[in-house]
Protein backbone atom coordinates (compact mmCIF):
# COMPACT_ATOMS: atom_id res chain seq x y z
CA MET A 1 -7.00 19.05 17.11
CA LEU A 2 -7.62 16.31 19.66
CA LYS A 3 -11.34 16.33 18.86
CA TYR A 4 -10.60 15.96 15.15
CA LEU A 5 -8.20 13.09 15.77
CA LEU A 6 -10.76 11.29 17.92
CA LYS A 7 -13.36 11.66 15.17
CA ARG A 8 -10.95 10.36 12.54
CA PHE A 9 -9.98 7.47 14.79
CA ALA A 10 -13.65 6.55 15.30
CA ARG A 11 -14.30 6.68 11.55
CA SER A 12 -11.19 4.60 10.94
CA LEU A 13 -12.39 1.93 13.37
CA PHE A 14 -15.76 1.83 11.61
CA THR A 15 -14.05 1.52 8.21
CA LEU A 16 -11.88 -1.28 9.54
CA PHE A 17 -14.99 -3.01 10.92
CA LEU A 18 -16.70 -2.84 7.51
CA ILE A 19 -13.64 -4.18 5.68
CA LEU A 20 -13.15 -7.11 8.03
CA THR A 21 -16.86 -7.95 8.08
CA ILE A 22 -17.13 -7.98 4.29
CA VAL A 23 -13.98 -10.08 3.90
CA PHE A 24 -15.15 -12.43 6.67
CA ILE A 25 -18.46 -13.05 4.90
CA LEU A 26 -16.78 -13.48 1.51
CA VAL A 27 -14.26 -16.08 2.69
CA ARG A 28 -17.08 -18.01 4.33
CA GLN A 29 -18.69 -18.33 0.88
CA MET A 30 -15.77 -20.33 -0.50
CA PRO A 31 -16.64 -23.91 -1.56
CA ILE A 32 -16.23 -26.44 1.27
CA GLU A 33 -14.19 -28.71 -1.02
CA GLY A 34 -11.24 -26.38 -0.56
CA TYR A 35 -11.07 -27.03 3.19
CA PHE A 36 -10.25 -30.71 2.75
CA SER A 37 -7.31 -32.17 0.81
CA ASN A 38 -9.08 -35.52 0.35
CA PHE A 39 -12.64 -34.27 -0.05
CA ASP A 40 -13.57 -36.88 -2.70
CA LYS A 41 -12.74 -39.74 -0.33
CA MET A 42 -14.56 -38.35 2.72
CA THR A 43 -18.02 -39.36 3.88
CA GLU A 44 -20.76 -36.85 4.60
CA THR A 45 -20.30 -37.43 8.33
CA GLN A 46 -16.57 -36.75 8.15
CA ILE A 47 -17.20 -33.56 6.19
CA GLN A 48 -19.74 -32.33 8.73
CA ASN A 49 -17.44 -33.15 11.64
CA GLY A 50 -14.60 -31.24 9.94
CA LEU A 51 -16.81 -28.20 9.32
CA GLU A 52 -17.98 -28.26 12.94
CA GLN A 53 -14.39 -28.31 14.19
CA MET A 54 -13.68 -25.24 12.06
CA GLY A 55 -16.83 -23.53 13.35
CA LEU A 56 -18.32 -23.25 9.86
CA THR A 57 -21.68 -24.85 10.71
CA GLN A 58 -22.68 -22.06 13.08
CA PRO A 59 -24.91 -19.18 11.91
CA MET A 60 -22.97 -16.39 10.20
CA TRP A 61 -23.75 -13.85 12.91
CA LYS A 62 -22.36 -16.16 15.58
CA GLN A 63 -19.20 -16.87 13.59
CA LEU A 64 -18.72 -13.12 13.17
CA LEU A 65 -19.33 -12.49 16.87
CA ASN A 66 -16.79 -15.13 17.85
CA PHE A 67 -14.25 -13.59 15.48
CA TYR A 68 -14.57 -10.08 16.93
CA THR A 69 -14.58 -11.43 20.48
CA ARG A 70 -11.24 -13.14 19.85
CA LEU A 71 -9.92 -10.07 18.05
CA LEU A 72 -10.72 -7.78 20.99
CA HIS A 73 -8.67 -10.11 23.16
CA GLY A 74 -5.72 -9.87 20.75
CA ASP A 75 -6.29 -13.32 19.27
CA LEU A 76 -6.12 -13.50 15.46
CA GLY A 77 -6.98 -17.17 15.50
CA THR A 78 -5.08 -20.28 14.49
CA SER A 79 -3.93 -21.34 11.05
CA ARG A 80 -5.83 -24.43 9.90
CA VAL A 81 -4.08 -25.13 6.61
CA TYR A 82 -0.94 -23.05 5.95
CA TYR A 83 0.73 -23.97 9.27
CA ARG A 84 -1.77 -26.18 11.04
CA GLY A 85 -2.26 -25.41 14.72
CA LYS A 86 0.06 -22.37 14.85
CA PRO A 87 -1.31 -18.96 15.97
CA VAL A 88 -1.78 -16.55 13.07
CA TRP A 89 0.17 -13.75 14.79
CA ASP A 90 3.17 -16.02 15.36
CA ILE A 91 3.28 -16.64 11.61
CA LEU A 92 2.70 -13.03 10.55
CA ARG A 93 5.31 -11.50 12.83
CA THR A 94 8.02 -13.54 11.08
CA LYS A 95 6.79 -12.35 7.66
CA LEU A 96 6.03 -8.70 8.44
CA PRO A 97 9.59 -7.31 8.88
CA LEU A 98 10.66 -8.37 5.38
CA SER A 99 7.61 -6.73 3.77
CA VAL A 100 8.15 -3.56 5.81
CA GLN A 101 11.77 -3.34 4.68
CA LEU A 102 10.83 -3.93 1.06
CA GLY A 103 8.01 -1.37 1.14
CA SER A 104 10.06 1.26 2.97
CA LEU A 105 12.92 1.01 0.49
CA ALA A 106 10.46 1.28 -2.40
CA ILE A 107 8.82 4.39 -0.91
CA LEU A 108 12.21 6.01 -0.26
CA PHE A 109 13.42 5.30 -3.79
CA SER A 110 10.12 6.60 -5.21
CA MET A 111 10.54 9.91 -3.41
CA LEU A 112 14.20 10.28 -4.37
CA VAL A 113 13.32 9.81 -8.06
CA GLY A 114 9.70 10.95 -8.40
CA LEU A 115 9.94 14.34 -6.67
CA PRO A 116 13.00 15.56 -8.64
CA MET A 117 11.41 14.21 -11.83
CA GLY A 118 8.22 16.20 -11.22
CA THR A 119 10.26 19.31 -10.43
CA LEU A 120 12.25 19.03 -13.66
CA MET A 121 9.10 18.41 -15.69
CA ALA A 122 7.54 21.58 -14.27
CA LYS A 123 10.70 23.63 -14.76
CA TYR A 124 11.09 22.56 -18.39
CA LYS A 125 7.39 22.46 -19.23
CA GLY A 126 6.79 21.52 -22.87
CA ARG A 127 10.45 20.72 -23.48
CA PHE A 128 12.36 17.45 -23.70
CA PRO A 129 12.56 16.61 -19.93
CA ASP A 130 8.82 17.21 -19.62
CA GLN A 131 8.03 15.15 -22.71
CA LEU A 132 10.28 12.32 -21.58
CA GLY A 133 8.69 12.28 -18.12
CA THR A 134 5.21 12.33 -19.64
CA VAL A 135 6.04 9.29 -21.77
CA PHE A 136 7.21 7.45 -18.65
CA ILE A 137 4.07 8.35 -16.70
CA VAL A 138 1.73 7.33 -19.53
CA LEU A 139 3.63 4.08 -19.99
CA ILE A 140 3.40 3.15 -16.30
CA GLN A 141 -0.28 4.03 -16.11
CA ALA A 142 -1.34 2.48 -19.41
CA VAL A 143 0.56 -0.81 -19.31
CA PRO A 144 -0.68 -3.39 -16.78
CA ALA A 145 1.78 -3.63 -13.89
CA ALA A 146 2.03 -7.41 -14.30
CA VAL A 147 3.50 -6.92 -17.78
CA TYR A 148 6.41 -4.67 -16.83
CA TYR A 149 6.98 -6.58 -13.59
CA LEU A 150 7.61 -9.74 -15.59
CA PHE A 151 9.64 -7.81 -18.17
CA ILE A 152 11.90 -6.40 -15.44
CA GLN A 153 12.27 -9.81 -13.85
CA LEU A 154 13.09 -11.56 -17.12
CA TYR A 155 15.65 -9.12 -18.48
CA GLY A 156 16.82 -7.59 -15.21
CA THR A 157 17.95 -10.89 -13.72
CA GLU A 158 19.91 -11.62 -16.89
CA LEU A 159 21.50 -8.17 -16.83
CA LEU A 160 22.52 -8.41 -13.16
CA SER A 161 23.35 -12.12 -13.40
CA ILE A 162 21.15 -13.02 -10.44
CA LYS A 163 18.66 -15.82 -9.80
CA LEU A 164 14.93 -15.46 -10.36
CA ARG A 165 14.32 -16.43 -6.73
CA PHE A 166 14.77 -13.67 -4.14
CA ASP A 167 17.72 -14.07 -1.79
CA GLU A 168 17.29 -11.97 1.36
CA GLY A 169 20.99 -12.21 2.23
CA ASN A 170 22.18 -10.90 -1.15
CA TRP A 171 21.76 -7.11 -1.45
CA ILE A 172 21.79 -7.27 -5.26
CA SER A 173 18.70 -9.45 -5.08
CA TRP A 174 16.80 -6.52 -3.54
CA ILE A 175 17.37 -4.14 -6.47
CA LEU A 176 14.82 -5.40 -8.98
CA PRO A 177 11.92 -6.03 -6.54
CA VAL A 178 12.38 -2.59 -4.95
CA PHE A 179 12.69 -0.93 -8.37
CA SER A 180 9.58 -2.72 -9.67
CA LEU A 181 7.58 -1.84 -6.57
CA SER A 182 8.55 1.84 -6.77
CA LEU A 183 7.59 2.49 -10.41
CA GLY A 184 3.92 3.21 -9.74
CA ASN A 185 4.70 5.73 -7.00
CA ILE A 186 7.44 7.40 -9.05
CA ALA A 187 4.92 8.12 -11.80
CA TYR A 188 2.36 9.20 -9.20
CA TYR A 189 4.69 11.64 -7.43
CA ALA A 190 6.07 13.10 -10.67
CA MET A 191 2.65 13.61 -12.25
CA TRP A 192 1.04 15.38 -9.30
CA LEU A 193 4.06 17.46 -8.31
CA ARG A 194 4.39 18.69 -11.89
CA ARG A 195 0.73 19.63 -11.93
CA TYR A 196 0.88 21.51 -8.63
CA MET A 197 4.10 23.31 -9.56
CA VAL A 198 2.71 24.41 -12.92
CA ASP A 199 -0.39 25.75 -11.15
CA GLU A 200 1.74 27.61 -8.61
CA SER A 201 4.00 29.12 -11.31
CA ASN A 202 1.01 31.01 -12.77
CA LYS A 203 0.07 32.73 -9.50
CA ASP A 204 0.59 36.41 -8.72
CA TYR A 205 3.24 35.96 -6.02
CA VAL A 206 5.53 34.28 -8.58
CA THR A 207 5.07 37.19 -10.99
CA LEU A 208 5.85 39.62 -8.17
CA ALA A 209 9.00 37.70 -7.26
CA ARG A 210 10.21 37.92 -10.87
CA ILE A 211 9.50 41.65 -11.00
CA LYS A 212 11.60 42.07 -7.85
CA GLY A 213 14.49 40.37 -9.63
CA ALA A 214 14.55 37.03 -7.81
CA GLY A 215 16.45 34.33 -9.69
CA GLU A 216 14.55 31.51 -11.39
CA GLY A 217 16.25 28.90 -9.25
CA ARG A 218 15.22 30.67 -6.06
CA ILE A 219 11.66 31.13 -7.32
CA MET A 220 11.40 27.50 -8.40
CA PHE A 221 12.68 25.88 -5.21
CA ARG A 222 12.05 28.46 -2.45
CA HIS A 223 8.55 29.43 -3.56
CA ILE A 224 6.92 27.22 -6.20
CA PHE A 225 8.19 23.85 -4.94
CA ARG A 226 7.56 24.73 -1.31
CA ASN A 227 3.90 25.65 -1.93
CA ALA A 228 3.30 22.84 -4.43
CA PHE A 229 4.58 20.29 -1.93
CA VAL A 230 1.81 21.12 0.57
CA PRO A 231 -0.97 19.18 -1.24
CA MET A 232 1.58 16.49 -2.15
CA ALA A 233 2.27 15.88 1.54
CA GLN A 234 -1.23 14.50 1.96
CA TYR A 235 -0.59 11.78 -0.60
CA LEU A 236 2.84 10.62 0.55
CA PRO A 237 1.62 8.40 3.42
CA THR A 238 -1.30 7.07 1.37
CA SER A 239 1.16 5.85 -1.24
CA PHE A 240 1.97 3.08 1.24
CA LEU A 241 -1.35 1.57 0.17
CA ASN A 242 -0.19 1.46 -3.47
CA THR A 243 3.00 -0.19 -2.27
CA VAL A 244 1.07 -2.78 -0.28
CA ILE A 245 -1.11 -3.62 -3.28
CA GLY A 246 1.93 -3.93 -5.55
CA SER A 247 3.80 -6.07 -3.03
CA ILE A 248 1.13 -8.78 -3.28
CA TYR A 249 2.18 -9.51 -6.85
CA ILE A 250 5.86 -8.60 -6.51
CA GLU A 251 6.42 -10.93 -3.57
CA SER A 252 4.64 -13.73 -5.42
CA ILE A 253 6.68 -13.61 -8.63
CA TRP A 254 9.98 -13.23 -6.74
CA SER A 255 9.10 -15.88 -4.12
CA ILE A 256 9.68 -13.35 -1.34
CA LYS A 257 8.65 -14.78 2.03
CA GLY A 258 6.72 -11.71 3.10
CA MET A 259 3.12 -10.68 3.64
CA GLY A 260 2.18 -10.14 0.00
CA GLY A 261 3.15 -13.56 -1.28
CA LEU A 262 1.66 -15.13 1.83
CA LEU A 263 -1.76 -13.61 1.10
CA VAL A 264 -1.89 -15.24 -2.34
CA ASP A 265 -0.88 -18.57 -0.83
CA VAL A 266 -3.44 -18.60 1.99
CA ILE A 267 -6.28 -17.54 -0.33
CA HIS A 268 -5.42 -20.47 -2.57
CA LYS A 269 -5.43 -22.79 0.45
CA GLN A 270 -8.60 -21.22 1.92
CA ASP A 271 -7.00 -20.59 5.30
CA ASN A 272 -9.66 -18.16 6.54
CA GLU A 273 -7.97 -17.05 9.75
CA MET A 274 -4.74 -16.27 7.91
CA ILE A 275 -6.61 -14.29 5.25
CA LEU A 276 -8.37 -12.16 7.86
CA GLY A 277 -5.14 -11.56 9.78
CA ILE A 278 -3.32 -10.30 6.68
CA VAL A 279 -6.29 -8.15 5.57
CA LEU A 280 -6.37 -6.63 9.06
CA ILE A 281 -2.73 -5.56 8.83
CA PHE A 282 -3.02 -4.24 5.26
CA SER A 283 -6.18 -2.30 6.17
CA CYS A 284 -4.51 -0.74 9.21
CA VAL A 285 -1.59 0.39 7.03
CA GLY A 286 -3.92 2.06 4.53
CA ILE A 287 -6.07 3.76 7.17
CA LEU A 288 -3.03 4.95 9.12
CA GLY A 289 -1.60 6.40 5.91
CA LEU A 290 -4.76 8.47 5.36
CA MET A 291 -4.60 9.86 8.89
CA LEU A 292 -0.90 10.71 8.61
CA GLY A 293 -1.61 12.48 5.33
CA ASP A 294 -4.03 14.85 7.05
CA LEU A 295 -1.55 15.51 9.84
CA LEU A 296 1.25 16.28 7.39
CA MET A 297 -1.00 18.82 5.67
CA THR A 298 -1.28 20.75 8.94
CA LEU A 299 2.49 20.65 9.47
CA PHE A 300 3.33 21.99 5.99
CA ASP A 301 0.45 24.46 5.70
CA PRO A 302 -0.15 26.64 8.80
CA ARG A 303 -3.35 27.98 7.21
CA ILE A 304 -5.08 24.66 7.88
CA SER A 305 -6.70 24.40 11.29
CA PHE A 306 -8.88 21.64 12.71
CA THR A 307 -10.07 23.82 15.58
CA LYS A 308 -11.71 26.62 13.56
CA LYS A 309 -14.85 26.37 11.48
CA ALA A 310 -14.98 27.45 7.86
CA GLY A 311 -15.06 31.25 7.55
CA GLU A 312 -13.52 31.92 10.98
CA VAL A 313 -10.39 34.06 11.24
């Protein structure tokens, strides 16, 4: 187990290195005009001096080396545009708690709705609950998220009589952003749980349980759901990544002062250090989710072992 975790950790570090390197190179390709608010009025000398101060005149390999050297010392750099002269971490740690709260509530709501929905769809396969759930899943997957996000914001705020701008101190203001952010995961959980439960219901042990006279409720929840949830467990932590991606747009349209809306803002302002700091945090969340998914599989399914090779008993 420890050996497997060390291997996964090493692969995760390499993946994180690739992500940060690619993003670092991409942000360095942005036009230099975006780094200066009064670019049209600046002389060539002033532009060169400004680029030198930002370290953008050095060779790419040296810029990258300096970045990783600072990162290994726990230094994410300093904001040059968004909050000039302030350390990136000092900015992010004030934004992160709000995004974590928003994402956690969305994940919790998704599980409370999506898992029962998938169970009902499997139990009433081909009937009205299943058809209704299928329509919902197709709608969420087929319609661009931006469309129903705006639809929910437009009509939801009117229905609840709240302002379009998010108010952290007003609990009602949390309802629509959390609901919007959870829709993708609700459809995801319901679709896959239904599929796994339908597959499990056709297996021999279910037929044997019925022959022995076990009730349908007991079969559905004590046997089918329990076994169908094992592969689902792997995807629960990774759904944090879907939540992170959705929060980028959700926080922007609701003017939520969290990490998602901040990313859009700093990209627009070409604040390279801020962009890399946010990408680092988002990447760590996604990679950690993948690792937790594997660990949950071992907890729910005792047949899985990371210490035995394939074919060993």
